[in-house]
């Protein structure tokens, strides 16, 4: 497989992406969505490729500018992001991922790109896997390294040593949407996976019912941290372009789906953006309370009163989303394409 990476600075790479689609190569883009910034100083503008409908953040942000939007609070202090039941649910979901991967493949070597706090890797290690993770943030990597016997590399996958091993399985759970150049990452993944290996990648779906209902209020829009926005079609096309053949797709996500729809509905109804999500977070993981304390308390009280009505509605809409629109978050399993 050939690769046409550019030898240029991160800033010039991101600037080029503003006008050139990194999925199909088309250099014609149209405005897609304009969203006010949290600080009130301007707007974030998304662009859409006229050729394949891939969506990306139009403004060029250098790596250090993006890093400023990932403070320590984003990852959570003391290795925890949510309160009580929320943290237990997130940990259970990570362990469920480990169990599902073990059902797909016998234990071997696995690389988790963007491993976060390492919960899934620890569960896989306990199931007999040889585990390794990468994490762009030194802060997140420190938390993962607190877990005994986890090997976590700080930096993107391209900075792994050239002589490092290839892997039986590579996973990217909600990583590609954070990357200005998702294609470049997948090209490096292709070089690190064994010929009979398995890639598992999950992303929010920009074509989902949830995204359409939410518009600028969509829970998974998360600007400017989410700079690349994929759909079922564009992710499939991107995987094939870098040498993978998709073999399976999951349209329903217990971890992200029903709650994402619920929070999107609340945002759309005019409540402070992601108010419930912030309330569920542990104090050390709360990036910014969106409104004043008393106003927030009143809105949170109203939110709790509406939950018995909105929670079942969100679950039904998530089911419809998966059946008709591909799901709010998609998970694709792919294998390296065999050369003819």
Protein backbone atom coordinates (compact mmCIF):
# COMPACT_ATOMS: atom_id res chain seq x y z
CA UNK A 1 0.00 0.00 0.00
CA UNK A 2 1.38 3.40 -0.91
CA UNK A 3 1.10 6.49 1.25
CA UNK A 4 1.22 10.11 0.10
CA UNK A 5 1.98 11.95 3.33
CA UNK A 6 3.08 15.55 3.11
CA UNK A 7 6.36 16.73 4.58
CA UNK A 8 5.09 19.97 6.06
CA UNK A 9 4.45 21.63 9.39
CA UNK A 10 1.37 20.78 11.51
CA UNK A 11 0.01 24.28 10.89
CA UNK A 12 0.31 24.00 7.09
CA UNK A 13 -1.22 20.50 7.15
CA UNK A 14 -4.28 21.79 9.03
CA UNK A 15 -4.53 24.87 6.83
CA UNK A 16 -4.50 22.69 3.71
CA UNK A 17 -7.25 20.53 5.14
CA UNK A 18 -9.54 23.57 5.30
CA UNK A 19 -9.84 23.47 1.51
CA UNK A 20 -8.94 19.87 0.60
CA UNK A 21 -10.99 16.89 1.76
CA UNK A 22 -8.80 14.28 3.45
CA UNK A 23 -11.30 11.52 2.61
CA UNK A 24 -11.77 11.86 -1.17
CA UNK A 25 -9.25 14.55 -2.11
CA UNK A 26 -11.86 16.96 -3.46
CA UNK A 27 -10.86 20.62 -3.17
CA UNK A 28 -14.38 22.01 -3.21
CA UNK A 29 -16.08 22.62 0.13
CA UNK A 30 -19.23 24.40 1.26
CA UNK A 31 -20.26 25.96 4.59
CA UNK A 32 -22.01 23.36 6.75
CA UNK A 33 -22.77 24.82 10.19
CA UNK A 34 -21.88 27.90 12.24
CA UNK A 35 -21.82 27.62 16.03
CA UNK A 36 -21.22 30.39 18.61
CA UNK A 37 -18.10 29.94 20.70
CA UNK A 38 -18.50 29.41 24.44
CA UNK A 39 -16.63 32.60 25.23
CA UNK A 40 -18.87 34.60 22.91
CA UNK A 41 -15.97 35.82 20.77
CA UNK A 42 -16.92 34.70 17.29
CA UNK A 43 -18.17 31.44 15.85
CA UNK A 44 -16.86 28.00 14.93
CA UNK A 45 -17.54 27.23 11.28
CA UNK A 46 -17.78 23.72 9.86
CA UNK A 47 -17.23 22.94 6.18
CA UNK A 48 -18.53 20.02 4.12
CA UNK A 49 -16.89 18.35 1.13
CA UNK A 50 -19.00 18.65 -2.01
CA UNK A 51 -17.64 15.31 -3.19
CA UNK A 52 -18.21 12.95 -0.24
CA UNK A 53 -19.89 15.04 2.50
CA UNK A 54 -17.02 14.72 4.99
CA UNK A 55 -17.33 17.57 7.53
CA UNK A 56 -14.46 19.34 9.28
CA UNK A 57 -13.69 22.41 11.36
CA UNK A 58 -12.89 25.22 8.96
CA UNK A 59 -10.57 27.16 11.24
CA UNK A 60 -6.94 26.08 11.30
CA UNK A 61 -5.88 25.33 14.87
CA UNK A 62 -2.26 24.46 15.56
CA UNK A 63 -1.56 21.54 17.96
CA UNK A 64 -0.84 23.89 20.87
CA UNK A 65 -4.13 25.73 20.25
CA UNK A 66 -6.06 22.46 20.26
CA UNK A 67 -4.22 21.33 23.40
CA UNK A 68 -5.54 24.38 25.25
CA UNK A 69 -9.03 22.90 24.94
CA UNK A 70 -7.94 19.75 26.82
CA UNK A 71 -7.19 20.99 30.34
CA UNK A 72 -6.63 18.46 33.18
CA UNK A 73 -10.32 18.77 34.05
CA UNK A 74 -11.22 17.22 30.69
CA UNK A 75 -9.71 13.91 31.83
CA UNK A 76 -10.80 14.14 35.47
CA UNK A 77 -8.78 14.31 38.63
CA UNK A 78 -7.88 11.26 40.72
CA UNK A 79 -8.54 9.04 37.70
CA UNK A 80 -12.28 9.62 37.80
CA UNK A 81 -14.60 11.68 35.57
CA UNK A 82 -18.08 11.09 36.97
CA UNK A 83 -19.90 10.79 40.23
CA UNK A 84 -20.73 7.41 41.77
CA UNK A 85 -23.12 5.57 39.46
CA UNK A 86 -21.88 7.45 36.39
CA UNK A 87 -18.28 6.41 37.00
CA UNK A 88 -19.35 2.80 37.65
CA UNK A 89 -21.32 2.79 34.39
CA UNK A 90 -18.39 4.14 32.38
CA UNK A 91 -16.02 1.57 33.89
CA UNK A 92 -18.52 -1.22 33.13
CA UNK A 93 -18.78 -0.07 29.51
CA UNK A 94 -14.98 -0.13 29.12
CA UNK A 95 -14.86 -3.65 30.49
CA UNK A 96 -17.71 -4.62 28.17
CA UNK A 97 -15.56 -3.44 25.27
CA UNK A 98 -12.76 -5.73 26.46
CA UNK A 99 -15.13 -8.67 26.64
CA UNK A 100 -16.50 -8.04 23.15
CA UNK A 101 -12.98 -7.84 21.67
CA UNK A 102 -12.03 -11.12 23.34
CA UNK A 103 -15.09 -12.71 21.75
CA UNK A 104 -13.90 -11.53 18.34
CA UNK A 105 -10.28 -12.68 18.66
CA UNK A 106 -8.23 -14.96 20.86
CA UNK A 107 -5.94 -12.97 23.19
CA UNK A 108 -2.88 -11.63 21.41
CA UNK A 109 -1.37 -8.16 21.05
CA UNK A 110 -3.53 -5.06 21.03
CA UNK A 111 -2.89 -1.34 20.57
CA UNK A 112 -5.48 1.11 21.84
CA UNK A 113 -4.93 4.47 20.14
CA UNK A 114 -6.15 7.19 22.49
CA UNK A 115 -6.39 4.85 25.47
CA UNK A 116 -7.47 7.51 27.96
CA UNK A 117 -7.25 6.28 31.54
CA UNK A 118 -6.51 2.73 30.45
CA UNK A 119 -9.59 1.01 31.90
CA UNK A 120 -10.22 -1.10 28.79
CA UNK A 121 -6.54 -2.01 28.45
CA UNK A 122 -6.41 -3.15 32.07
CA UNK A 123 -9.45 -5.36 31.50
CA UNK A 124 -7.87 -6.83 28.35
CA UNK A 125 -4.60 -7.44 30.16
CA UNK A 126 -6.50 -9.38 32.81
CA UNK A 127 -7.97 -11.51 30.00
CA UNK A 128 -4.51 -12.48 28.74
CA UNK A 129 -3.83 -9.80 26.12
CA UNK A 130 -0.46 -8.10 25.58
CA UNK A 131 -1.56 -4.49 25.76
CA UNK A 132 -0.19 -1.15 24.67
CA UNK A 133 -1.77 2.28 24.45
CA UNK A 134 -1.06 5.69 23.02
CA UNK A 135 -2.31 8.98 24.37
CA UNK A 136 -1.64 12.48 23.06
CA UNK A 137 -2.05 14.01 26.50
CA UNK A 138 0.70 13.48 29.08
CA UNK A 139 -1.98 14.17 31.71
CA UNK A 140 -4.18 11.30 30.51
CA UNK A 141 -1.16 9.03 30.07
CA UNK A 142 -0.14 9.62 33.69
CA UNK A 143 -3.54 8.41 34.82
CA UNK A 144 -3.26 5.28 32.68
CA UNK A 145 0.23 4.62 33.99
CA UNK A 146 -1.17 4.53 37.51
CA UNK A 147 -2.71 1.22 36.48
CA UNK A 148 -0.07 -1.48 37.10
CA UNK A 149 1.70 -2.96 34.06
CA UNK A 150 0.20 -0.71 31.40
CA UNK A 151 2.56 0.42 28.64
CA UNK A 152 1.35 3.83 27.46
CA UNK A 153 3.19 5.89 24.85
CA UNK A 154 2.75 9.68 24.95
CA UNK A 155 2.30 11.00 21.42
CA UNK A 156 0.36 10.05 18.31
CA UNK A 157 0.78 6.71 16.60
CA UNK A 158 3.26 8.14 14.10
CA UNK A 159 5.79 8.68 16.91
CA UNK A 160 6.00 5.00 17.86
CA UNK A 161 9.49 3.68 17.21
CA UNK A 162 9.92 2.32 13.65
CA UNK A 163 10.99 -1.08 14.94
CA UNK A 164 8.03 -1.54 17.27
CA UNK A 165 5.80 -4.57 16.88
CA UNK A 166 2.70 -4.94 14.77
CA UNK A 167 -0.55 -5.83 16.48
CA UNK A 168 -3.32 -8.39 16.18
CA UNK A 169 -5.94 -5.78 17.04
CA UNK A 170 -5.92 -1.97 16.92
CA UNK A 171 -8.75 0.04 18.45
CA UNK A 172 -9.73 3.70 18.05
CA UNK A 173 -12.66 4.48 20.32
CA UNK A 174 -13.88 8.01 19.63
CA UNK A 175 -10.44 9.18 18.55
CA UNK A 176 -10.72 10.12 14.86
CA UNK A 177 -13.13 12.98 15.51
CA UNK A 178 -10.41 14.66 17.62
CA UNK A 179 -7.80 14.56 14.83
CA UNK A 180 -7.34 17.24 12.15
CA UNK A 181 -6.06 14.50 9.80
CA UNK A 182 -7.93 11.27 10.48
CA UNK A 183 -6.61 9.76 7.26
CA UNK A 184 -2.98 10.17 8.30
CA UNK A 185 -3.71 8.38 11.58
CA UNK A 186 -5.37 5.46 9.80
CA UNK A 187 -2.46 5.18 7.38
CA UNK A 188 -0.13 4.73 10.34
CA UNK A 189 -2.55 2.22 11.87
CA UNK A 190 -2.45 0.25 8.62
CA UNK A 191 1.32 -0.05 8.96
CA UNK A 192 1.03 -1.29 12.57
CA UNK A 193 -1.59 -3.99 12.11
CA UNK A 194 -0.86 -7.58 11.14
CA UNK A 195 -2.06 -8.87 7.73
CA UNK A 196 -4.74 -10.93 9.49
CA UNK A 197 -5.41 -8.28 12.13
CA UNK A 198 -8.60 -6.49 13.14
CA UNK A 199 -9.33 -2.77 13.39
CA UNK A 200 -12.17 -1.54 15.61
CA UNK A 201 -13.07 2.14 15.17
CA UNK A 202 -15.95 4.10 16.67
CA UNK A 203 -17.01 7.70 15.93
CA UNK A 204 -20.09 9.92 16.28
CA UNK A 205 -22.25 9.92 13.14
CA UNK A 206 -22.72 13.38 11.63
CA UNK A 207 -25.60 12.01 9.48
CA UNK A 208 -27.50 10.58 12.45
CA UNK A 209 -30.99 11.56 13.50
CA UNK A 210 -29.48 12.82 16.74
CA UNK A 211 -27.15 15.16 14.85
CA UNK A 212 -29.98 16.37 12.62
CA UNK A 213 -32.26 17.07 15.59
CA UNK A 214 -29.49 18.76 17.52
CA UNK A 215 -27.86 20.89 14.84
CA UNK A 216 -25.57 23.30 16.71
CA UNK A 217 -26.86 21.82 19.98
CA UNK A 218 -25.81 18.22 19.18
CA UNK A 219 -24.15 16.64 22.22
CA UNK A 220 -21.37 15.04 20.14
CA UNK A 221 -20.55 18.19 18.16
CA UNK A 222 -18.17 19.27 20.95
CA UNK A 223 -16.36 22.09 19.14
CA UNK A 224 -13.47 22.69 18.80
CA UNK A 225 -12.28 19.35 20.22
CA UNK A 226 -14.15 17.43 17.52
CA UNK A 227 -12.51 18.70 14.35
CA UNK A 228 -13.41 15.83 11.99
CA UNK A 229 -17.01 14.66 11.58
CA UNK A 230 -17.68 11.36 9.84
CA UNK A 231 -20.75 9.48 8.69
CA UNK A 232 -21.24 5.79 7.85
CA UNK A 233 -20.50 6.56 4.21
CA UNK A 234 -17.44 8.74 4.75
CA UNK A 235 -15.90 6.43 7.35
CA UNK A 236 -16.39 3.43 5.05
CA UNK A 237 -14.79 5.36 2.17
CA UNK A 238 -11.89 6.53 4.34
CA UNK A 239 -11.14 3.01 5.60
CA UNK A 240 -11.11 1.61 2.08
CA UNK A 241 -8.88 4.44 0.87
CA UNK A 242 -6.13 3.56 3.37
CA UNK A 243 -6.28 -0.20 2.83
CA UNK A 244 -9.00 -1.63 5.07
CA UNK A 245 -12.11 -3.60 4.20
CA UNK A 246 -15.06 -3.04 6.57
CA UNK A 247 -16.64 -6.34 7.62
CA UNK A 248 -19.13 -5.36 10.33
CA UNK A 249 -20.94 -2.30 11.64
CA UNK A 250 -22.75 -1.71 14.92
CA UNK A 251 -25.48 0.93 14.86
CA UNK A 252 -26.46 1.02 18.54
CA UNK A 253 -24.33 2.22 21.44
CA UNK A 254 -25.53 1.63 24.99
CA UNK A 255 -22.58 3.67 26.23
CA UNK A 256 -23.18 6.81 24.15
CA UNK A 257 -26.51 6.51 22.37
CA UNK A 258 -29.51 6.99 24.68
CA UNK A 259 -27.76 9.54 26.87
CA UNK A 260 -26.42 11.46 23.86
CA UNK A 261 -29.96 11.72 22.51
CA UNK A 262 -31.28 12.80 25.94
CA UNK A 263 -28.69 15.55 26.34
CA UNK A 264 -29.23 16.69 22.75
CA UNK A 265 -32.98 17.02 23.39
CA UNK A 266 -32.32 19.03 26.57
CA UNK A 267 -29.88 21.28 24.73
CA UNK A 268 -32.41 21.77 21.94
CA UNK A 269 -35.12 22.70 24.44
CA UNK A 270 -33.06 25.68 25.58
CA UNK A 271 -31.49 24.40 28.79
CA UNK A 272 -27.88 25.45 29.39
CA UNK A 273 -25.60 23.51 27.07
CA UNK A 274 -24.76 20.05 28.48
CA UNK A 275 -26.04 21.06 31.91
CA UNK A 276 -26.99 17.52 32.96
CA UNK A 277 -23.68 16.15 31.68
CA UNK A 278 -21.80 18.70 33.79
CA UNK A 279 -23.89 17.84 36.82
CA UNK A 280 -23.04 14.14 36.46
CA UNK A 281 -19.31 14.86 36.37
CA UNK A 282 -17.11 14.71 39.45
CA UNK A 283 -16.12 18.17 40.74
CA UNK A 284 -12.52 17.73 39.55
CA UNK A 285 -13.67 16.87 36.02
CA UNK A 286 -16.09 19.73 35.50
CA UNK A 287 -14.52 21.99 32.88
CA UNK A 288 -16.89 24.94 33.21
CA UNK A 289 -20.29 25.27 34.84
CA UNK A 290 -22.28 26.79 31.96
CA UNK A 291 -24.37 29.29 33.98
CA UNK A 292 -24.64 30.84 37.45
CA UNK A 293 -25.11 28.57 40.46
CA UNK A 294 -28.71 29.44 41.31
CA UNK A 295 -29.86 29.66 37.71
CA UNK A 296 -28.16 26.32 37.11
CA UNK A 297 -29.88 24.78 40.12
CA UNK A 298 -33.28 25.87 38.86
CA UNK A 299 -32.63 24.51 35.37
CA UNK A 300 -31.26 21.27 36.80
CA UNK A 301 -34.39 20.87 38.93
CA UNK A 302 -36.57 21.35 35.86
CA UNK A 303 -34.41 18.84 33.96
CA UNK A 304 -34.92 16.20 36.65
CA UNK A 305 -38.68 16.74 36.54
CA UNK A 306 -38.64 16.15 32.78
CA UNK A 307 -36.50 13.01 32.89
CA UNK A 308 -39.38 10.51 33.31
CA UNK A 309 -40.81 11.81 30.02
CA UNK A 310 -37.62 12.51 28.09
CA UNK A 311 -35.61 9.39 28.98
CA UNK A 312 -38.05 6.91 27.31
CA UNK A 313 -38.39 9.27 24.34
CA UNK A 314 -34.60 9.43 23.99
CA UNK A 315 -34.37 5.63 24.06
CA UNK A 316 -37.03 5.29 21.34
CA UNK A 317 -35.37 7.94 19.18
CA UNK A 318 -32.01 6.19 19.59
CA UNK A 319 -33.61 2.96 18.39
CA UNK A 320 -35.10 4.77 15.37
CA UNK A 321 -31.75 6.41 14.73
CA UNK A 322 -29.99 3.07 14.50
CA UNK A 323 -32.62 1.52 12.27
CA UNK A 324 -33.01 4.40 9.80
CA UNK A 325 -29.97 6.70 10.05
CA UNK A 326 -27.02 4.48 10.99
CA UNK A 327 -27.03 5.36 14.68
CA UNK A 328 -25.75 8.32 16.66
CA UNK A 329 -22.39 6.61 17.18
CA UNK A 330 -21.11 3.98 14.75
CA UNK A 331 -18.64 1.18 15.38
CA UNK A 332 -16.97 -0.44 12.37
CA UNK A 333 -14.81 -3.54 12.33
CA UNK A 334 -12.38 -3.76 9.42
CA UNK A 335 -9.57 -6.02 8.24
CA UNK A 336 -6.53 -5.19 6.08
CA UNK A 337 -7.40 -5.41 2.41
CA UNK A 338 -5.63 -8.31 0.76
CA UNK A 339 -3.49 -7.25 -2.16
CA UNK A 340 -4.49 -8.84 -5.46
